[in-house]
C-alpha atoms as a PDB file:
ATOM      1  CA  MET A   1     156.268  29.153 131.374  1.00  0.00           C
ATOM      2  CA  ARG A   2     152.556  28.454 130.537  1.00  0.00           C
ATOM      3  CA  PHE A   3     149.673  31.329 131.854  1.00  0.00           C
ATOM      4  CA  GLU A   4     146.543  29.784 132.922  1.00  0.00           C
ATOM      5  CA  VAL A   5     142.901  30.813 132.039  1.00  0.00           C
ATOM      6  CA  PRO A   6     140.691  30.858 134.663  1.00  0.00           C
ATOM      7  CA  ALA A   7     137.976  28.894 135.185  1.00  0.00           C
ATOM      8  CA  GLU A   8     135.711  31.608 136.568  1.00  0.00           C
ATOM      9  CA  LYS A   9     135.058  33.640 133.649  1.00  0.00           C
ATOM     10  CA  LYS A  10     132.328  36.149 130.990  1.00  0.00           C
ATOM     11  CA  LEU A  11     131.901  35.187 128.357  1.00  0.00           C
ATOM     12  CA  THR A  12     131.314  38.773 126.155  1.00  0.00           C
ATOM     13  CA  ASN A  13     131.340  37.432 121.971  1.00  0.00           C
ATOM     14  CA  GLN A  14     132.631  34.952 119.670  1.00  0.00           C
ATOM     15  CA  VAL A  15     133.794  35.590 115.970  1.00  0.00           C
ATOM     16  CA  VAL A  16     134.657  33.590 113.521  1.00  0.00           C
ATOM     17  CA  ILE A  17     137.940  34.368 111.883  1.00  0.00           C
ATOM     18  CA  PRO A  18     139.128  32.662 108.165  1.00  0.00           C
ATOM     19  CA  ILE A  19     142.372  31.355 108.100  1.00  0.00           C
ATOM     20  CA  ARG A  20     144.494  32.650 105.259  1.00  0.00           C
ATOM     21  CA  TRP A  21     146.763  31.191 102.889  1.00  0.00           C
ATOM     22  CA  GLY A  22     148.929  33.929 103.423  1.00  0.00           C
ATOM     23  CA  ASP A  23     148.892  33.582 107.165  1.00  0.00           C
ATOM     24  CA  MET A  24     150.809  30.290 106.548  1.00  0.00           C
ATOM     25  CA  ASP A  25     154.183  30.560 107.832  1.00  0.00           C
ATOM     26  CA  ALA A  26     156.911  27.897 106.138  1.00  0.00           C
ATOM     27  CA  MET A  27     156.687  25.118 108.353  1.00  0.00           C
ATOM     28  CA  GLY A  28     152.624  25.058 106.514  1.00  0.00           C
ATOM     29  CA  HIS A  29     150.529  26.357 110.001  1.00  0.00           C
ATOM     30  CA  LEU A  30     150.002  29.467 110.867  1.00  0.00           C
ATOM     31  CA  ASN A  31     152.696  31.940 111.857  1.00  0.00           C
ATOM     32  CA  ASN A  32     152.591  32.664 115.445  1.00  0.00           C
ATOM     33  CA  ALA A  33     152.296  36.347 115.357  1.00  0.00           C
ATOM     34  CA  VAL A  34     148.514  35.701 113.703  1.00  0.00           C
ATOM     35  CA  TYR A  35     147.151  33.880 116.463  1.00  0.00           C
ATOM     36  CA  PHE A  36     147.623  37.619 117.977  1.00  0.00           C
ATOM     37  CA  ARG A  37     146.441  38.909 115.827  1.00  0.00           C
ATOM     38  CA  TYR A  38     143.387  36.957 116.017  1.00  0.00           C
ATOM     39  CA  LEU A  39     142.990  37.887 120.109  1.00  0.00           C
ATOM     40  CA  GLU A  40     143.317  41.010 118.647  1.00  0.00           C
ATOM     41  CA  ILE A  41     140.213  40.907 116.175  1.00  0.00           C
ATOM     42  CA  VAL A  42     137.664  39.262 118.941  1.00  0.00           C
ATOM     43  CA  ARG A  43     138.723  41.983 121.299  1.00  0.00           C
ATOM     44  CA  ILE A  44     138.603  45.072 119.076  1.00  0.00           C
ATOM     45  CA  ALA A  45     134.957  43.166 118.064  1.00  0.00           C
ATOM     46  CA  TRP A  46     133.848  43.562 121.888  1.00  0.00           C
ATOM     47  CA  PHE A  47     135.095  46.376 121.660  1.00  0.00           C
ATOM     48  CA  ASP A  48     132.919  47.646 118.954  1.00  0.00           C
ATOM     49  CA  GLU A  49     129.968  46.276 120.409  1.00  0.00           C
ATOM     50  CA  LEU A  50     130.290  48.211 123.394  1.00  0.00           C
ATOM     51  CA  GLY A  51     130.963  51.415 121.715  1.00  0.00           C
ATOM     52  CA  CYS A  52     134.855  51.987 123.379  1.00  0.00           C
ATOM     53  CA  ALA A  53     136.729  52.773 120.378  1.00  0.00           C
ATOM     54  CA  PRO A  54     139.725  54.876 121.572  1.00  0.00           C
ATOM     55  CA  ASN A  55     139.518  58.399 121.386  1.00  0.00           C
ATOM     56  CA  PRO A  56     142.604  60.058 121.783  1.00  0.00           C
ATOM     57  CA  GLN A  57     140.861  63.138 123.344  1.00  0.00           C
ATOM     58  CA  GLY A  58     138.845  61.574 126.341  1.00  0.00           C
ATOM     59  CA  GLU A  59     139.228  57.474 127.861  1.00  0.00           C
ATOM     60  CA  GLY A  60     139.513  54.312 126.765  1.00  0.00           C
ATOM     61  CA  PRO A  61     141.561  50.420 127.447  1.00  0.00           C
ATOM     62  CA  VAL A  62     144.529  50.295 126.742  1.00  0.00           C
ATOM     63  CA  ILE A  63     146.661  46.748 126.673  1.00  0.00           C
ATOM     64  CA  VAL A  64     149.224  46.841 129.621  1.00  0.00           C
ATOM     65  CA  ASN A  65     150.367  42.643 128.497  1.00  0.00           C
ATOM     66  CA  ALA A  66     149.239  39.826 126.676  1.00  0.00           C
ATOM     67  CA  PHE A  67     149.822  36.597 126.285  1.00  0.00           C
ATOM     68  CA  CYS A  68     149.001  33.412 123.876  1.00  0.00           C
ATOM     69  CA  ASN A  69     149.659  29.736 125.002  1.00  0.00           C
ATOM     70  CA  PHE A  70     149.887  27.602 121.254  1.00  0.00           C
ATOM     71  CA  ILE A  71     148.193  24.281 122.000  1.00  0.00           C
ATOM     72  CA  ARG A  72     147.529  23.072 118.411  1.00  0.00           C
ATOM     73  CA  GLN A  73     148.773  23.411 114.977  1.00  0.00           C
ATOM     74  CA  LEU A  74     146.063  26.039 112.884  1.00  0.00           C
ATOM     75  CA  GLU A  75     146.663  25.178 109.687  1.00  0.00           C
ATOM     76  CA  TYR A  76     144.800  26.439 106.098  1.00  0.00           C
ATOM     77  CA  PRO A  77     142.467  26.175 104.874  1.00  0.00           C
ATOM     78  CA  GLY A  78     139.582  26.250 107.463  1.00  0.00           C
ATOM     79  CA  ASP A  79     138.058  28.827 110.205  1.00  0.00           C
ATOM     80  CA  VAL A  80     138.846  29.846 113.842  1.00  0.00           C
ATOM     81  CA  LEU A  81     135.835  30.636 116.406  1.00  0.00           C
ATOM     82  CA  ALA A  82     137.412  33.209 118.609  1.00  0.00           C
ATOM     83  CA  LYS A  83     135.507  33.145 121.883  1.00  0.00           C
ATOM     84  CA  HIS A  84     136.347  36.392 123.986  1.00  0.00           C
ATOM     85  CA  TYR A  85     135.992  36.377 127.824  1.00  0.00           C
ATOM     86  CA  VAL A  86     136.277  38.716 130.769  1.00  0.00           C
ATOM     87  CA  CYS A  87     136.814  38.772 134.566  1.00  0.00           C
ATOM     88  CA  ASN A  88     138.420  40.284 137.524  1.00  0.00           C
ATOM     89  CA  PRO A  89     137.929  43.524 136.880  1.00  0.00           C
ATOM     90  CA  GLY A  90     139.101  45.859 139.383  1.00  0.00           C
ATOM     91  CA  ARG A  91     139.593  49.359 139.923  1.00  0.00           C
ATOM     92  CA  SER A  92     140.927  51.021 136.383  1.00  0.00           C
ATOM     93  CA  SER A  93     141.589  47.068 134.776  1.00  0.00           C
ATOM     94  CA  ILE A  94     139.807  44.063 133.185  1.00  0.00           C
ATOM     95  CA  ASP A  95     141.407  40.398 132.658  1.00  0.00           C
ATOM     96  CA  THR A  96     140.567  39.494 128.903  1.00  0.00           C
ATOM     97  CA  TYR A  97     140.726  35.608 127.593  1.00  0.00           C
ATOM     98  CA  VAL A  98     140.342  33.970 124.385  1.00  0.00           C
ATOM     99  CA  THR A  99     140.270  30.845 122.977  1.00  0.00           C
ATOM    100  CA  LEU A 100     140.665  30.079 119.645  1.00  0.00           C
ATOM    101  CA  GLU A 101     138.888  26.813 118.163  1.00  0.00           C
ATOM    102  CA  ARG A 102     138.446  25.174 114.806  1.00  0.00           C
ATOM    103  CA  THR A 103     135.354  25.869 113.517  1.00  0.00           C
ATOM    104  CA  ASP A 104     134.982  21.968 112.352  1.00  0.00           C
ATOM    105  CA  ARG A 105     136.186  20.546 115.503  1.00  0.00           C
ATOM    106  CA  PRO A 106     134.005  22.177 118.181  1.00  0.00           C
ATOM    107  CA  GLY A 107     135.604  22.351 121.569  1.00  0.00           C
ATOM    108  CA  GLU A 108     139.010  22.019 121.108  1.00  0.00           C
ATOM    109  CA  VAL A 109     140.788  24.801 121.890  1.00  0.00           C
ATOM    110  CA  TYR A 110     144.080  25.105 119.662  1.00  0.00           C
ATOM    111  CA  ALA A 111     145.314  28.085 121.497  1.00  0.00           C
ATOM    112  CA  GLU A 112     144.627  30.437 124.228  1.00  0.00           C
ATOM    113  CA  GLY A 113     145.607  34.231 124.973  1.00  0.00           C
ATOM    114  CA  GLY A 114     144.545  37.076 126.614  1.00  0.00           C
ATOM    115  CA  ALA A 115     145.324  40.566 127.939  1.00  0.00           C
ATOM    116  CA  LYS A 116     145.195  43.026 130.865  1.00  0.00           C
ATOM    117  CA  LEU A 117     143.348  46.142 129.854  1.00  0.00           C
ATOM    118  CA  VAL A 118     143.328  49.658 131.637  1.00  0.00           C
ATOM    119  CA  TRP A 119     141.189  52.562 131.451  1.00  0.00           C
ATOM    120  CA  VAL A 120     143.146  55.396 130.331  1.00  0.00           C
ATOM    121  CA  ASP A 121     142.456  59.133 130.234  1.00  0.00           C
ATOM    122  CA  PHE A 122     144.317  59.890 126.899  1.00  0.00           C
ATOM    123  CA  PRO A 123     145.426  63.719 127.476  1.00  0.00           C
ATOM    124  CA  LYS A 124     146.643  63.015 131.607  1.00  0.00           C
ATOM    125  CA  GLN A 125     148.283  59.551 130.453  1.00  0.00           C
ATOM    126  CA  LYS A 126     147.272  58.555 133.337  1.00  0.00           C
ATOM    127  CA  SER A 127     144.998  55.071 134.279  1.00  0.00           C
ATOM    128  CA  VAL A 128     141.545  56.469 135.836  1.00  0.00           C
ATOM    129  CA  PRO A 129     138.820  53.890 137.061  1.00  0.00           C
ATOM    130  CA  LEU A 130     136.554  52.171 135.145  1.00  0.00           C
ATOM    131  CA  PRO A 131     133.294  53.635 133.791  1.00  0.00           C
ATOM    132  CA  GLU A 132     129.918  52.233 135.486  1.00  0.00           C
ATOM    133  CA  TRP A 133     128.669  51.432 132.619  1.00  0.00           C
ATOM    134  CA  LEU A 134     131.829  49.475 131.674  1.00  0.00           C
ATOM    135  CA  ARG A 135     132.191  47.171 134.776  1.00  0.00           C
ATOM    136  CA  ALA A 136     128.219  46.685 134.550  1.00  0.00           C
ATOM    137  CA  ARG A 137     128.997  44.852 131.988  1.00  0.00           C
ATOM    138  CA  VAL A 138     131.792  43.059 133.314  1.00  0.00           C
END
């Protein structure tokens, strides 16, 4: 099963991530779990830019699902350009997507993934409407 990244989406940020030797597996390519780490790195960078780090005493984003389509193998050495996108804001959720390219092969997507984020009130453990400031950014 392959999940589709929509054509209509808004670029929110980009991060360059070095491929580390230790990220490789026995087959000589990037371990599958590391792709999800790269998706997390760019998503957390976006949260930091927004100033919305999760606050256990308040509100913030929670991932309710995540996926990654592996298209081409990433290998050491090199740098990955992770591009983060958002679309489809709902009452309490946002769809996020990431594409991974090598910086030395611009425009060539090696992997693409995404996650649905739900805004929650942590003490109540319930979803709540997206804050207006966040809705205005997406």
